[in-house]
Structures are given as C-alpha cells and as structure tokens.
Amino acid sequence: MNPKPWLALTLVSLMAGCGGSGQPSGDTAKPQPAAAQQATERKETVFDPWVGTIDRAKGVQKTVDEQAAEQRRKIEEATR
C-alpha cells in the first residue's frame, strides 16, 4: 500500500473541512455597519489578559521614555 495517495487524500480532506461558512446569501442577508461588524468579529481569547498586560507595559514604557527625555532636556539646559 503506497502512502502517498492516502496522504494527499487526507490533506485535501483537511483543507476542505477548514472552509468558512461566510455571509448568508439572498434576501436574508442584512448589511451591518462597520462598527457593529467589527464588534461582532472580536472574540475573547485566553490571551486577552496577557495582551492587556502588554498594553499597560507599553504605556508605562512611554511614560518612562517621556520622563527620561524631559530629564535630558533639563540636564542640557543646566550645562549651558
């Protein structure tokens, strides 16, 4: 038994099973505003707490960078 045809058949079956359902067709499809569509597409994941932590860390880094730039400016003014 040659494994190549079985492998190809398995891969094709897996790819066919991954297809999405998409938008319903016909008169039943109701257009949604972009904001509503975006809100419905966002799904909560297990990574959301970490993403929030990363966003907070970026905010802290921005504050530290601004304070460092201000400190450098003060030092430059004092040396003149």
PDB file of N, CA and C in Angstrom:
ATOM      1  N   MET A   1       0.848  -1.173   0.000  1.00  0.00           N
ATOM      2  CA  MET A   1       0.000   0.000   0.000  1.00  0.00           C
ATOM      3  C   MET A   1       0.896   1.238   0.000  1.00  0.00           C
ATOM      4  N   ASN A   2       0.721   2.072  -0.997  1.00  0.00           N
ATOM      5  CA  ASN A   2       1.523   3.275  -1.155  1.00  0.00           C
ATOM      6  C   ASN A   2       0.926   4.402  -0.306  1.00  0.00           C
ATOM      7  N   PRO A   3       1.722   5.013   0.595  1.00  0.00           N
ATOM      8  CA  PRO A   3       1.166   6.035   1.491  1.00  0.00           C
ATOM      9  C   PRO A   3       0.940   7.390   0.817  1.00  0.00           C
ATOM     10  N   LYS A   4       1.514   7.631  -0.355  1.00  0.00           N
ATOM     11  CA  LYS A   4       1.384   8.939  -0.988  1.00  0.00           C
ATOM     12  C   LYS A   4      -0.062   9.293  -1.350  1.00  0.00           C
ATOM     13  N   PRO A   5      -0.833   8.407  -1.971  1.00  0.00           N
ATOM     14  CA  PRO A   5      -2.229   8.779  -2.278  1.00  0.00           C
ATOM     15  C   PRO A   5      -3.051   9.017  -1.015  1.00  0.00           C
ATOM     16  N   TRP A   6      -2.811   8.240   0.007  1.00  0.00           N
ATOM     17  CA  TRP A   6      -3.549   8.420   1.260  1.00  0.00           C
ATOM     18  C   TRP A   6      -3.200   9.749   1.916  1.00  0.00           C
ATOM     19  N   LEU A   7      -1.950  10.099   1.855  1.00  0.00           N
ATOM     20  CA  LEU A   7      -1.512  11.374   2.412  1.00  0.00           C
ATOM     21  C   LEU A   7      -2.147  12.533   1.648  1.00  0.00           C
ATOM     22  N   ALA A   8      -2.152  12.458   0.333  1.00  0.00           N
ATOM     23  CA  ALA A   8      -2.762  13.504  -0.485  1.00  0.00           C
ATOM     24  C   ALA A   8      -4.256  13.591  -0.206  1.00  0.00           C
ATOM     25  N   LEU A   9      -4.926  12.467  -0.119  1.00  0.00           N
ATOM     26  CA  LEU A   9      -6.357  12.445   0.155  1.00  0.00           C
ATOM     27  C   LEU A   9      -6.659  13.025   1.543  1.00  0.00           C
ATOM     28  N   THR A  10      -5.844  12.710   2.509  1.00  0.00           N
ATOM     29  CA  THR A  10      -6.023  13.237   3.863  1.00  0.00           C
ATOM     30  C   THR A  10      -5.836  14.750   3.883  1.00  0.00           C
ATOM     31  N   LEU A  11      -4.798  15.242   3.218  1.00  0.00           N
ATOM     32  CA  LEU A  11      -4.550  16.677   3.182  1.00  0.00           C
ATOM     33  C   LEU A  11      -5.684  17.429   2.473  1.00  0.00           C
ATOM     34  N   VAL A  12      -6.187  16.866   1.373  1.00  0.00           N
ATOM     35  CA  VAL A  12      -7.297  17.504   0.658  1.00  0.00           C
ATOM     36  C   VAL A  12      -8.541  17.517   1.531  1.00  0.00           C
ATOM     37  N   SER A  13      -8.794  16.448   2.246  1.00  0.00           N
ATOM     38  CA  SER A  13      -9.966  16.387   3.127  1.00  0.00           C
ATOM     39  C   SER A  13      -9.860  17.405   4.254  1.00  0.00           C
ATOM     40  N   LEU A  14      -8.677  17.548   4.830  1.00  0.00           N
ATOM     41  CA  LEU A  14      -8.480  18.520   5.896  1.00  0.00           C
ATOM     42  C   LEU A  14      -8.658  19.950   5.391  1.00  0.00           C
ATOM     43  N   MET A  15      -8.145  20.235   4.208  1.00  0.00           N
ATOM     44  CA  MET A  15      -8.282  21.577   3.646  1.00  0.00           C
ATOM     45  C   MET A  15      -9.741  21.877   3.312  1.00  0.00           C
ATOM     46  N   ALA A  16     -10.477  20.913   2.832  1.00  0.00           N
ATOM     47  CA  ALA A  16     -11.890  21.120   2.508  1.00  0.00           C
ATOM     48  C   ALA A  16     -12.698  21.346   3.786  1.00  0.00           C
ATOM     49  N   GLY A  17     -12.329  20.717   4.860  1.00  0.00           N
ATOM     50  CA  GLY A  17     -13.034  20.876   6.122  1.00  0.00           C
ATOM     51  C   GLY A  17     -12.748  22.201   6.804  1.00  0.00           C
ATOM     52  N   CYS A  18     -11.714  22.905   6.394  1.00  0.00           N
ATOM     53  CA  CYS A  18     -11.362  24.179   7.015  1.00  0.00           C
ATOM     54  C   CYS A  18     -12.092  25.368   6.415  1.00  0.00           C
ATOM     55  N   GLY A  19     -12.919  25.175   5.426  1.00  0.00           N
ATOM     56  CA  GLY A  19     -13.612  26.279   4.766  1.00  0.00           C
ATOM     57  C   GLY A  19     -14.604  26.940   5.703  1.00  0.00           C
ATOM     58  N   GLY A  20     -14.767  28.265   5.570  1.00  0.00           N
ATOM     59  CA  GLY A  20     -15.692  29.016   6.409  1.00  0.00           C
ATOM     60  C   GLY A  20     -17.075  29.067   5.787  1.00  0.00           C
ATOM     61  N   SER A  21     -18.056  29.420   6.606  1.00  0.00           N
ATOM     62  CA  SER A  21     -19.418  29.481   6.105  1.00  0.00           C
ATOM     63  C   SER A  21     -19.684  30.792   5.377  1.00  0.00           C
ATOM     64  N   GLY A  22     -19.000  31.894   5.757  1.00  0.00           N
ATOM     65  CA  GLY A  22     -19.153  33.167   5.071  1.00  0.00           C
ATOM     66  C   GLY A  22     -20.491  33.830   5.358  1.00  0.00           C
ATOM     67  N   GLN A  23     -20.859  34.827   4.553  1.00  0.00           N
ATOM     68  CA  GLN A  23     -22.113  35.561   4.704  1.00  0.00           C
ATOM     69  C   GLN A  23     -23.257  34.759   4.095  1.00  0.00           C
ATOM     70  N   PRO A  24     -24.444  34.807   4.702  1.00  0.00           N
ATOM     71  CA  PRO A  24     -25.587  34.140   4.088  1.00  0.00           C
ATOM     72  C   PRO A  24     -25.979  34.871   2.808  1.00  0.00           C
ATOM     73  N   SER A  25     -26.409  34.124   1.819  1.00  0.00           N
ATOM     74  CA  SER A  25     -26.757  34.736   0.545  1.00  0.00           C
ATOM     75  C   SER A  25     -28.258  34.965   0.450  1.00  0.00           C
ATOM     76  N   GLY A  26     -28.650  35.780  -0.482  1.00  0.00           N
ATOM     77  CA  GLY A  26     -30.066  36.023  -0.707  1.00  0.00           C
ATOM     78  C   GLY A  26     -30.575  37.224   0.062  1.00  0.00           C
ATOM     79  N   ASP A  27     -31.926  37.320   0.193  1.00  0.00           N
ATOM     80  CA  ASP A  27     -32.558  38.453   0.851  1.00  0.00           C
ATOM     81  C   ASP A  27     -32.424  38.409   2.361  1.00  0.00           C
ATOM     82  N   THR A  28     -32.034  37.288   2.918  1.00  0.00           N
ATOM     83  CA  THR A  28     -31.937  37.191   4.371  1.00  0.00           C
ATOM     84  C   THR A  28     -30.704  37.895   4.911  1.00  0.00           C
ATOM     85  N   ALA A  29     -29.753  38.204   4.042  1.00  0.00           N
ATOM     86  CA  ALA A  29     -28.532  38.880   4.487  1.00  0.00           C
ATOM     87  C   ALA A  29     -28.841  40.349   4.743  1.00  0.00           C
ATOM     88  N   LYS A  30     -28.540  40.805   5.957  1.00  0.00           N
ATOM     89  CA  LYS A  30     -28.754  42.202   6.322  1.00  0.00           C
ATOM     90  C   LYS A  30     -27.388  42.871   6.469  1.00  0.00           C
ATOM     91  N   PRO A  31     -27.167  43.943   5.720  1.00  0.00           N
ATOM     92  CA  PRO A  31     -25.880  44.621   5.866  1.00  0.00           C
ATOM     93  C   PRO A  31     -25.753  45.246   7.239  1.00  0.00           C
ATOM     94  N   GLN A  32     -24.569  45.115   7.830  1.00  0.00           N
ATOM     95  CA  GLN A  32     -24.316  45.667   9.147  1.00  0.00           C
ATOM     96  C   GLN A  32     -23.343  46.829   9.014  1.00  0.00           C
ATOM     97  N   PRO A  33     -23.460  47.822   9.890  1.00  0.00           N
ATOM     98  CA  PRO A  33     -22.468  48.897   9.890  1.00  0.00           C
ATOM     99  C   PRO A  33     -21.101  48.341  10.230  1.00  0.00           C
ATOM    100  N   ALA A  34     -20.065  49.056   9.814  1.00  0.00           N
ATOM    101  CA  ALA A  34     -18.696  48.574  10.022  1.00  0.00           C
ATOM    102  C   ALA A  34     -18.376  48.417  11.503  1.00  0.00           C
ATOM    103  N   ALA A  35     -18.856  49.333  12.344  1.00  0.00           N
ATOM    104  CA  ALA A  35     -18.572  49.250  13.783  1.00  0.00           C
ATOM    105  C   ALA A  35     -19.228  48.019  14.393  1.00  0.00           C
ATOM    106  N   ALA A  36     -20.460  47.735  13.992  1.00  0.00           N
ATOM    107  CA  ALA A  36     -21.155  46.567  14.527  1.00  0.00           C
ATOM    108  C   ALA A  36     -20.509  45.284  14.036  1.00  0.00           C
ATOM    109  N   GLN A  37     -20.071  45.288  12.787  1.00  0.00           N
ATOM    110  CA  GLN A  37     -19.427  44.119  12.234  1.00  0.00           C
ATOM    111  C   GLN A  37     -18.109  43.856  12.952  1.00  0.00           C
ATOM    112  N   GLN A  38     -17.373  44.912  13.240  1.00  0.00           N
ATOM    113  CA  GLN A  38     -16.100  44.764  13.924  1.00  0.00           C
ATOM    114  C   GLN A  38     -16.313  44.275  15.354  1.00  0.00           C
ATOM    115  N   ALA A  39     -17.358  44.768  16.012  1.00  0.00           N
ATOM    116  CA  ALA A  39     -17.630  44.358  17.387  1.00  0.00           C
ATOM    117  C   ALA A  39     -18.029  42.890  17.450  1.00  0.00           C
ATOM    118  N   THR A  40     -18.746  42.403  16.461  1.00  0.00           N
ATOM    119  CA  THR A  40     -19.168  41.011  16.492  1.00  0.00           C
ATOM    120  C   THR A  40     -18.031  40.071  16.103  1.00  0.00           C
ATOM    121  N   GLU A  41     -17.057  40.548  15.335  1.00  0.00           N
ATOM    122  CA  GLU A  41     -15.944  39.705  14.935  1.00  0.00           C
ATOM    123  C   GLU A  41     -14.955  39.479  16.071  1.00  0.00           C
ATOM    124  N   ARG A  42     -14.871  40.387  17.022  1.00  0.00           N
ATOM    125  CA  ARG A  42     -13.933  40.286  18.133  1.00  0.00           C
ATOM    126  C   ARG A  42     -14.429  39.246  19.117  1.00  0.00           C
ATOM    127  N   LYS A  43     -13.642  38.220  19.323  1.00  0.00           N
ATOM    128  CA  LYS A  43     -13.991  37.169  20.275  1.00  0.00           C
ATOM    129  C   LYS A  43     -12.932  37.129  21.369  1.00  0.00           C
ATOM    130  N   GLU A  44     -13.382  36.885  22.571  1.00  0.00           N
ATOM    131  CA  GLU A  44     -12.459  36.816  23.700  1.00  0.00           C
ATOM    132  C   GLU A  44     -11.632  35.540  23.594  1.00  0.00           C
ATOM    133  N   THR A  45     -10.343  35.688  23.875  1.00  0.00           N
ATOM    134  CA  THR A  45      -9.441  34.547  23.826  1.00  0.00           C
ATOM    135  C   THR A  45      -8.748  34.380  25.172  1.00  0.00           C
ATOM    136  N   VAL A  46      -8.029  33.300  25.315  1.00  0.00           N
ATOM    137  CA  VAL A  46      -7.298  33.065  26.556  1.00  0.00           C
ATOM    138  C   VAL A  46      -6.104  33.998  26.681  1.00  0.00           C
ATOM    139  N   PHE A  47      -5.726  34.671  25.597  1.00  0.00           N
ATOM    140  CA  PHE A  47      -4.571  35.554  25.619  1.00  0.00           C
ATOM    141  C   PHE A  47      -4.932  36.988  25.984  1.00  0.00           C
ATOM    142  N   ASP A  48      -6.207  37.309  26.138  1.00  0.00           N
ATOM    143  CA  ASP A  48      -6.630  38.675  26.434  1.00  0.00           C
ATOM    144  C   ASP A  48      -5.980  39.257  27.688  1.00  0.00           C
ATOM    145  N   PRO A  49      -5.867  38.536  28.798  1.00  0.00           N
ATOM    146  CA  PRO A  49      -5.196  39.125  29.961  1.00  0.00           C
ATOM    147  C   PRO A  49      -3.736  39.496  29.668  1.00  0.00           C
ATOM    148  N   TRP A  50      -3.055  38.678  28.873  1.00  0.00           N
ATOM    149  CA  TRP A  50      -1.659  38.966  28.553  1.00  0.00           C
ATOM    150  C   TRP A  50      -1.554  40.155  27.611  1.00  0.00           C
ATOM    151  N   VAL A  51      -2.488  40.261  26.679  1.00  0.00           N
ATOM    152  CA  VAL A  51      -2.484  41.395  25.757  1.00  0.00           C
ATOM    153  C   VAL A  51      -2.706  42.681  26.539  1.00  0.00           C
ATOM    154  N   GLY A  52      -3.615  42.647  27.510  1.00  0.00           N
ATOM    155  CA  GLY A  52      -3.838  43.821  28.353  1.00  0.00           C
ATOM    156  C   GLY A  52      -2.602  44.189  29.143  1.00  0.00           C
ATOM    157  N   THR A  53      -1.896  43.194  29.619  1.00  0.00           N
ATOM    158  CA  THR A  53      -0.661  43.429  30.366  1.00  0.00           C
ATOM    159  C   THR A  53       0.394  44.056  29.461  1.00  0.00           C
ATOM    160  N   ILE A  54       0.479  43.592  28.247  1.00  0.00           N
ATOM    161  CA  ILE A  54       1.442  44.151  27.294  1.00  0.00           C
ATOM    162  C   ILE A  54       1.093  45.605  26.999  1.00  0.00           C
ATOM    163  N   ASP A  55      -0.198  45.898  26.814  1.00  0.00           N
ATOM    164  CA  ASP A  55      -0.613  47.279  26.555  1.00  0.00           C
ATOM    165  C   ASP A  55      -0.268  48.193  27.730  1.00  0.00           C
ATOM    166  N   ARG A  56      -0.490  47.712  28.943  1.00  0.00           N
ATOM    167  CA  ARG A  56      -0.133  48.519  30.121  1.00  0.00           C
ATOM    168  C   ARG A  56       1.377  48.730  30.200  1.00  0.00           C
ATOM    169  N   ALA A  57       2.141  47.697  29.886  1.00  0.00           N
ATOM    170  CA  ALA A  57       3.602  47.819  29.920  1.00  0.00           C
ATOM    171  C   ALA A  57       4.089  48.826  28.875  1.00  0.00           C
ATOM    172  N   LYS A  58       3.452  48.839  27.714  1.00  0.00           N
ATOM    173  CA  LYS A  58       3.822  49.824  26.686  1.00  0.00           C
ATOM    174  C   LYS A  58       3.506  51.231  27.167  1.00  0.00           C
ATOM    175  N   GLY A  59       2.395  51.397  27.863  1.00  0.00           N
ATOM    176  CA  GLY A  59       2.045  52.709  28.412  1.00  0.00           C
ATOM    177  C   GLY A  59       3.054  53.167  29.449  1.00  0.00           C
ATOM    178  N   VAL A  60       3.482  52.254  30.305  1.00  0.00           N
ATOM    179  CA  VAL A  60       4.491  52.584  31.316  1.00  0.00           C
ATOM    180  C   VAL A  60       5.809  52.941  30.634  1.00  0.00           C
ATOM    181  N   GLN A  61       6.181  52.181  29.613  1.00  0.00           N
ATOM    182  CA  GLN A  61       7.424  52.465  28.900  1.00  0.00           C
ATOM    183  C   GLN A  61       7.370  53.840  28.242  1.00  0.00           C
ATOM    184  N   LYS A  62       6.228  54.199  27.692  1.00  0.00           N
ATOM    185  CA  LYS A  62       6.077  55.518  27.075  1.00  0.00           C
ATOM    186  C   LYS A  62       6.262  56.623  28.120  1.00  0.00           C
ATOM    187  N   THR A  63       5.676  56.422  29.312  1.00  0.00           N
ATOM    188  CA  THR A  63       5.825  57.400  30.393  1.00  0.00           C
ATOM    189  C   THR A  63       7.280  57.523  30.817  1.00  0.00           C
ATOM    190  N   VAL A  64       7.967  56.417  30.965  1.00  0.00           N
ATOM    191  CA  VAL A  64       9.379  56.422  31.356  1.00  0.00           C
ATOM    192  C   VAL A  64      10.217  57.125  30.286  1.00  0.00           C
ATOM    193  N   ASP A  65       9.944  56.849  29.018  1.00  0.00           N
ATOM    194  CA  ASP A  65      10.687  57.496  27.936  1.00  0.00           C
ATOM    195  C   ASP A  65      10.463  59.007  27.935  1.00  0.00           C
ATOM    196  N   GLU A  66       9.228  59.429  28.176  1.00  0.00           N
ATOM    197  CA  GLU A  66       8.938  60.867  28.225  1.00  0.00           C
ATOM    198  C   GLU A  66       9.658  61.533  29.392  1.00  0.00           C
ATOM    199  N   GLN A  67       9.667  60.866  30.554  1.00  0.00           N
ATOM    200  CA  GLN A  67      10.357  61.421  31.716  1.00  0.00           C
ATOM    201  C   GLN A  67      11.866  61.479  31.490  1.00  0.00           C
ATOM    202  N   ALA A  68      12.422  60.476  30.819  1.00  0.00           N
ATOM    203  CA  ALA A  68      13.856  60.470  30.532  1.00  0.00           C
ATOM    204  C   ALA A  68      14.201  61.598  29.563  1.00  0.00           C
ATOM    205  N   ALA A  69      13.363  61.818  28.559  1.00  0.00           N
ATOM    206  CA  ALA A  69      13.609  62.906  27.615  1.00  0.00           C
ATOM    207  C   ALA A  69      13.542  64.256  28.322  1.00  0.00           C
ATOM    208  N   GLU A  70      12.591  64.414  29.225  1.00  0.00           N
ATOM    209  CA  GLU A  70      12.478  65.659  29.987  1.00  0.00           C
ATOM    210  C   GLU A  70      13.706  65.856  30.870  1.00  0.00           C
ATOM    211  N   GLN A  71      14.176  64.805  31.490  1.00  0.00           N
ATOM    212  CA  GLN A  71      15.368  64.888  32.340  1.00  0.00           C
ATOM    213  C   GLN A  71      16.593  65.264  31.509  1.00  0.00           C
ATOM    214  N   ARG A  72      16.740  64.656  30.312  1.00  0.00           N
ATOM    215  CA  ARG A  72      17.856  65.004  29.434  1.00  0.00           C
ATOM    216  C   ARG A  72      17.802  66.474  29.030  1.00  0.00           C
ATOM    217  N   ARG A  73      16.585  66.958  28.750  1.00  0.00           N
ATOM    218  CA  ARG A  73      16.420  68.355  28.375  1.00  0.00           C
ATOM    219  C   ARG A  73      16.847  69.275  29.516  1.00  0.00           C
ATOM    220  N   LYS A  74      16.463  68.941  30.744  1.00  0.00           N
ATOM    221  CA  LYS A  74      16.841  69.735  31.912  1.00  0.00           C
ATOM    222  C   LYS A  74      18.353  69.731  32.120  1.00  0.00           C
ATOM    223  N   ILE A  75      18.970  68.580  31.924  1.00  0.00           N
ATOM    224  CA  ILE A  75      20.432  68.483  32.080  1.00  0.00           C
ATOM    225  C   ILE A  75      21.129  69.320  31.015  1.00  0.00           C
ATOM    226  N   GLU A  76      20.632  69.283  29.777  1.00  0.00           N
ATOM    227  CA  GLU A  76      21.218  70.080  28.705  1.00  0.00           C
ATOM    228  C   GLU A  76      21.102  71.561  29.007  1.00  0.00           C
ATOM    229  N   GLU A  77      19.968  72.001  29.529  1.00  0.00           N
ATOM    230  CA  GLU A  77      19.781  73.395  29.879  1.00  0.00           C
ATOM    231  C   GLU A  77      20.715  73.819  31.026  1.00  0.00           C
ATOM    232  N   ALA A  78      20.941  72.922  31.979  1.00  0.00           N
ATOM    233  CA  ALA A  78      21.782  73.246  33.116  1.00  0.00           C
ATOM    234  C   ALA A  78      23.263  73.342  32.721  1.00  0.00           C
ATOM    235  N   THR A  79      23.679  72.586  31.722  1.00  0.00           N
ATOM    236  CA  THR A  79      25.083  72.618  31.305  1.00  0.00           C
ATOM    237  C   THR A  79      25.390  73.805  30.422  1.00  0.00           C
ATOM    238  N   ARG A  80      24.436  74.512  29.919  1.00  0.00           N
ATOM    239  CA  ARG A  80      24.687  75.670  29.041  1.00  0.00           C
ATOM    240  C   ARG A  80      25.025  76.867  29.832  1.00  0.00           C
TER     241      ARG A  80
END
